[in-house]
Amino acid sequence: MEKEIGINYVDFDTLIQTSDVIIVQTPLTKDTKNKFDKNVISQIKDDAVLVNCARGGIVEKEALAEAVKDGKIRYGGDVWYPQPAPKDHPWRALEQTGLTVHYSGMTVEAQERIQTGVQEILTSYMNNNPINDSYLIVDNHKIANQSYQTQS
């Protein structure tokens, strides 16, 4: 099937050295934190585009800023590290980038799910009923949702 639709599976080093566009879509873990550091970015094909729609901490911010300023690569994405980005964040002054606020889940369907969730949370709260565990970010002074856990 891969051959039929033109897919070639390659290792990471081959991927970064041969791709014209690299789109990062992975969770932030101890293995992916700063995965795209100075060493990895230096191996990316010249004039390639790196797009990060996952987590800002996957790309080492100073190494990326240097590579873009030097004209090695172009960059785009909707994630920053830290987020929100401070006014002096090195990516803010970069040319050859396309950066936006993080909005990857903002489809019409996602907005409808958010609306339904907010209604359920408020209704539960106003009726003194417990809030569904899947909506909790913090419970009893502890992070309750895995999506908000800090990866070390």
C-alpha atoms as a PDB file:
ATOM      1  CA  MET A   1       0.000   0.000   0.000  1.00  0.00           C
ATOM      2  CA  GLU A   2       2.838   2.447   0.826  1.00  0.00           C
ATOM      3  CA  LYS A   3       4.225   2.167  -2.721  1.00  0.00           C
ATOM      4  CA  GLU A   4       0.757   2.702  -4.207  1.00  0.00           C
ATOM      5  CA  ILE A   5       0.398   6.101  -2.567  1.00  0.00           C
ATOM      6  CA  GLY A   6       4.058   7.092  -2.659  1.00  0.00           C
ATOM      7  CA  ILE A   7       5.036   6.637   0.996  1.00  0.00           C
ATOM      8  CA  ASN A   8       8.590   5.723   1.907  1.00  0.00           C
ATOM      9  CA  TYR A   9       9.322   5.024   5.562  1.00  0.00           C
ATOM     10  CA  VAL A  10      12.772   6.286   6.569  1.00  0.00           C
ATOM     11  CA  ASP A  11      14.686   6.803   9.786  1.00  0.00           C
ATOM     12  CA  PHE A  12      14.766  10.217  11.471  1.00  0.00           C
ATOM     13  CA  ASP A  13      18.176  11.235  10.122  1.00  0.00           C
ATOM     14  CA  THR A  14      17.172  10.442   6.537  1.00  0.00           C
ATOM     15  CA  LEU A  15      13.889  12.299   7.032  1.00  0.00           C
ATOM     16  CA  ILE A  16      15.509  15.543   8.159  1.00  0.00           C
ATOM     17  CA  GLN A  17      18.288  15.384   5.580  1.00  0.00           C
ATOM     18  CA  THR A  18      16.053  14.797   2.550  1.00  0.00           C
ATOM     19  CA  SER A  19      12.680  16.440   3.221  1.00  0.00           C
ATOM     20  CA  ASP A  20      11.612  19.725   1.682  1.00  0.00           C
ATOM     21  CA  VAL A  21       8.968  20.187   4.390  1.00  0.00           C
ATOM     22  CA  ILE A  22       9.012  18.712   7.890  1.00  0.00           C
ATOM     23  CA  ILE A  23       5.801  18.966   9.909  1.00  0.00           C
ATOM     24  CA  VAL A  24       6.149  18.205  13.614  1.00  0.00           C
ATOM     25  CA  GLN A  25       3.089  16.561  15.174  1.00  0.00           C
ATOM     26  CA  THR A  26       4.241  14.801  18.339  1.00  0.00           C
ATOM     27  CA  PRO A  27       3.681  15.173  22.075  1.00  0.00           C
ATOM     28  CA  LEU A  28       6.271  16.911  24.233  1.00  0.00           C
ATOM     29  CA  THR A  29       8.082  14.185  26.178  1.00  0.00           C
ATOM     30  CA  LYS A  30      11.537  13.752  27.644  1.00  0.00           C
ATOM     31  CA  ASP A  31      12.528  12.217  24.278  1.00  0.00           C
ATOM     32  CA  THR A  32      11.118  15.035  22.137  1.00  0.00           C
ATOM     33  CA  LYS A  33      12.031  18.055  24.291  1.00  0.00           C
ATOM     34  CA  ASN A  34      14.474  20.134  22.204  1.00  0.00           C
ATOM     35  CA  LYS A  35      14.563  17.289  19.652  1.00  0.00           C
ATOM     36  CA  PHE A  36      15.201  19.896  16.993  1.00  0.00           C
ATOM     37  CA  ASP A  37      18.362  21.293  18.575  1.00  0.00           C
ATOM     38  CA  LYS A  38      21.328  22.943  16.848  1.00  0.00           C
ATOM     39  CA  ASN A  39      22.746  19.587  15.739  1.00  0.00           C
ATOM     40  CA  VAL A  40      19.489  18.339  14.197  1.00  0.00           C
ATOM     41  CA  ILE A  41      18.641  21.688  12.618  1.00  0.00           C
ATOM     42  CA  SER A  42      22.114  21.814  11.028  1.00  0.00           C
ATOM     43  CA  GLN A  43      21.337  18.519   9.266  1.00  0.00           C
ATOM     44  CA  ILE A  44      18.048  19.726   7.790  1.00  0.00           C
ATOM     45  CA  LYS A  45      18.183  20.181   4.039  1.00  0.00           C
ATOM     46  CA  ASP A  46      19.001  23.768   3.044  1.00  0.00           C
ATOM     47  CA  ASP A  47      15.908  25.863   2.239  1.00  0.00           C
ATOM     48  CA  ALA A  48      13.607  23.273   3.815  1.00  0.00           C
ATOM     49  CA  VAL A  49      10.580  24.395   5.788  1.00  0.00           C
ATOM     50  CA  LEU A  50      10.119  23.241   9.373  1.00  0.00           C
ATOM     51  CA  VAL A  51       6.531  23.515  10.638  1.00  0.00           C
ATOM     52  CA  ASN A  52       5.782  22.881  14.303  1.00  0.00           C
ATOM     53  CA  CYS A  53       2.128  22.405  15.189  1.00  0.00           C
ATOM     54  CA  ALA A  54       2.823  20.228  18.214  1.00  0.00           C
ATOM     55  CA  ARG A  55       4.590  21.848  21.170  1.00  0.00           C
ATOM     56  CA  GLY A  56       7.020  24.765  21.166  1.00  0.00           C
ATOM     57  CA  GLY A  57       9.494  22.979  23.448  1.00  0.00           C
ATOM     58  CA  ILE A  58      10.256  20.415  20.747  1.00  0.00           C
ATOM     59  CA  VAL A  59      12.302  23.032  18.885  1.00  0.00           C
ATOM     60  CA  GLU A  60      15.249  24.705  20.610  1.00  0.00           C
ATOM     61  CA  LYS A  61      14.327  28.363  20.217  1.00  0.00           C
ATOM     62  CA  GLU A  62      17.827  29.858  19.942  1.00  0.00           C
ATOM     63  CA  ALA A  63      19.046  27.212  17.472  1.00  0.00           C
ATOM     64  CA  LEU A  64      15.984  27.785  15.301  1.00  0.00           C
ATOM     65  CA  ALA A  65      16.377  31.562  15.403  1.00  0.00           C
ATOM     66  CA  GLU A  66      20.004  31.242  14.291  1.00  0.00           C
ATOM     67  CA  ALA A  67      19.155  28.865  11.415  1.00  0.00           C
ATOM     68  CA  VAL A  68      16.389  31.122  10.110  1.00  0.00           C
ATOM     69  CA  LYS A  69      18.516  34.282  10.422  1.00  0.00           C
ATOM     70  CA  ASP A  70      21.323  32.533   8.534  1.00  0.00           C
ATOM     71  CA  GLY A  71      18.898  31.604   5.735  1.00  0.00           C
ATOM     72  CA  LYS A  72      19.366  27.859   6.262  1.00  0.00           C
ATOM     73  CA  ILE A  73      15.671  27.035   6.766  1.00  0.00           C
ATOM     74  CA  ARG A  74      12.266  28.650   6.942  1.00  0.00           C
ATOM     75  CA  TYR A  75       9.922  28.081   9.870  1.00  0.00           C
ATOM     76  CA  GLY A  76       6.228  28.125  10.600  1.00  0.00           C
ATOM     77  CA  GLY A  77       3.870  27.007  13.281  1.00  0.00           C
ATOM     78  CA  ASP A  78       1.334  27.870  15.899  1.00  0.00           C
ATOM     79  CA  VAL A  79       3.277  26.949  19.035  1.00  0.00           C
ATOM     80  CA  TRP A  80       5.847  28.843  21.066  1.00  0.00           C
ATOM     81  CA  TYR A  81       8.063  28.073  24.027  1.00  0.00           C
ATOM     82  CA  PRO A  82       7.344  29.410  26.470  1.00  0.00           C
ATOM     83  CA  GLN A  83       3.728  30.028  25.646  1.00  0.00           C
ATOM     84  CA  PRO A  84       2.572  32.743  25.682  1.00  0.00           C
ATOM     85  CA  ALA A  85       5.792  34.023  24.205  1.00  0.00           C
ATOM     86  CA  PRO A  86       7.393  37.034  25.898  1.00  0.00           C
ATOM     87  CA  LYS A  87       7.870  40.242  23.920  1.00  0.00           C
ATOM     88  CA  ASP A  88      11.607  39.573  23.550  1.00  0.00           C
ATOM     89  CA  HIS A  89      11.180  36.013  22.218  1.00  0.00           C
ATOM     90  CA  PRO A  90      13.793  35.504  19.452  1.00  0.00           C
ATOM     91  CA  TRP A  91      11.237  34.172  16.961  1.00  0.00           C
ATOM     92  CA  ARG A  92       9.220  37.402  16.953  1.00  0.00           C
ATOM     93  CA  ALA A  93      11.805  39.263  14.844  1.00  0.00           C
ATOM     94  CA  LEU A  94      12.463  36.461  12.357  1.00  0.00           C
ATOM     95  CA  GLU A  95      11.882  36.837   8.647  1.00  0.00           C
ATOM     96  CA  GLN A  96      10.994  33.800   6.515  1.00  0.00           C
ATOM     97  CA  THR A  97       8.556  32.557   9.133  1.00  0.00           C
ATOM     98  CA  GLY A  98       4.837  32.088   9.437  1.00  0.00           C
ATOM     99  CA  LEU A  99       3.866  32.168  13.098  1.00  0.00           C
ATOM    100  CA  THR A 100       0.417  32.361  14.597  1.00  0.00           C
ATOM    101  CA  VAL A 101      -1.203  31.851  17.965  1.00  0.00           C
ATOM    102  CA  HIS A 102      -1.908  28.226  18.871  1.00  0.00           C
ATOM    103  CA  TYR A 103      -5.286  27.408  17.365  1.00  0.00           C
ATOM    104  CA  SER A 104      -4.900  23.944  15.899  1.00  0.00           C
ATOM    105  CA  GLY A 105      -8.075  22.608  17.518  1.00  0.00           C
ATOM    106  CA  MET A 106     -10.326  25.472  16.512  1.00  0.00           C
ATOM    107  CA  THR A 107     -12.485  23.782  13.914  1.00  0.00           C
ATOM    108  CA  VAL A 108     -16.255  24.277  13.981  1.00  0.00           C
ATOM    109  CA  GLU A 109     -16.590  20.796  15.481  1.00  0.00           C
ATOM    110  CA  ALA A 110     -14.029  21.589  18.179  1.00  0.00           C
ATOM    111  CA  GLN A 111     -15.856  24.800  19.042  1.00  0.00           C
ATOM    112  CA  GLU A 112     -19.127  22.866  19.368  1.00  0.00           C
ATOM    113  CA  ARG A 113     -17.444  20.382  21.749  1.00  0.00           C
ATOM    114  CA  ILE A 114     -16.071  23.275  23.801  1.00  0.00           C
ATOM    115  CA  GLN A 115     -19.518  24.874  23.974  1.00  0.00           C
ATOM    116  CA  THR A 116     -21.105  21.601  25.101  1.00  0.00           C
ATOM    117  CA  GLY A 117     -18.382  21.080  27.706  1.00  0.00           C
ATOM    118  CA  VAL A 118     -18.733  24.585  29.131  1.00  0.00           C
ATOM    119  CA  GLN A 119     -22.504  24.126  29.379  1.00  0.00           C
ATOM    120  CA  GLU A 120     -22.038  20.810  31.201  1.00  0.00           C
ATOM    121  CA  ILE A 121     -19.458  22.283  33.600  1.00  0.00           C
ATOM    122  CA  LEU A 122     -21.610  25.311  34.441  1.00  0.00           C
ATOM    123  CA  THR A 123     -24.765  23.225  34.849  1.00  0.00           C
ATOM    124  CA  SER A 124     -22.974  20.804  37.175  1.00  0.00           C
ATOM    125  CA  TYR A 125     -21.491  23.656  39.191  1.00  0.00           C
ATOM    126  CA  MET A 126     -24.782  25.548  39.522  1.00  0.00           C
ATOM    127  CA  ASN A 127     -26.586  22.349  40.595  1.00  0.00           C
ATOM    128  CA  ASN A 128     -23.853  21.436  43.116  1.00  0.00           C
ATOM    129  CA  ASN A 129     -23.054  18.282  41.163  1.00  0.00           C
ATOM    130  CA  PRO A 130     -19.497  17.041  40.605  1.00  0.00           C
ATOM    131  CA  ILE A 131     -17.835  18.125  37.382  1.00  0.00           C
ATOM    132  CA  ASN A 132     -17.030  15.305  34.971  1.00  0.00           C
ATOM    133  CA  ASP A 133     -13.426  14.180  35.608  1.00  0.00           C
ATOM    134  CA  SER A 134     -12.542  14.555  31.921  1.00  0.00           C
ATOM    135  CA  TYR A 135     -13.092  18.333  32.226  1.00  0.00           C
ATOM    136  CA  LEU A 136     -10.843  18.819  35.252  1.00  0.00           C
ATOM    137  CA  ILE A 137      -7.422  20.342  34.827  1.00  0.00           C
ATOM    138  CA  VAL A 138      -6.686  20.814  38.534  1.00  0.00           C
ATOM    139  CA  ASP A 139      -8.386  18.863  41.323  1.00  0.00           C
ATOM    140  CA  ASN A 140      -7.544  19.143  45.010  1.00  0.00           C
ATOM    141  CA  HIS A 141      -4.469  21.294  44.208  1.00  0.00           C
ATOM    142  CA  LYS A 142      -2.998  18.703  41.828  1.00  0.00           C
ATOM    143  CA  ILE A 143      -2.908  18.520  38.040  1.00  0.00           C
ATOM    144  CA  ALA A 144      -5.668  16.080  37.137  1.00  0.00           C
ATOM    145  CA  ASN A 145      -5.426  15.955  33.355  1.00  0.00           C
ATOM    146  CA  GLN A 146      -2.539  14.201  31.604  1.00  0.00           C
ATOM    147  CA  SER A 147      -2.554  16.777  28.803  1.00  0.00           C
ATOM    148  CA  TYR A 148      -1.331  19.386  31.279  1.00  0.00           C
ATOM    149  CA  GLN A 149       1.398  17.314  32.901  1.00  0.00           C
ATOM    150  CA  THR A 150       4.913  18.704  32.593  1.00  0.00           C
ATOM    151  CA  GLN A 151       7.229  16.323  30.829  1.00  0.00           C
ATOM    152  CA  SER A 152      10.736  16.118  32.229  1.00  0.00           C
END
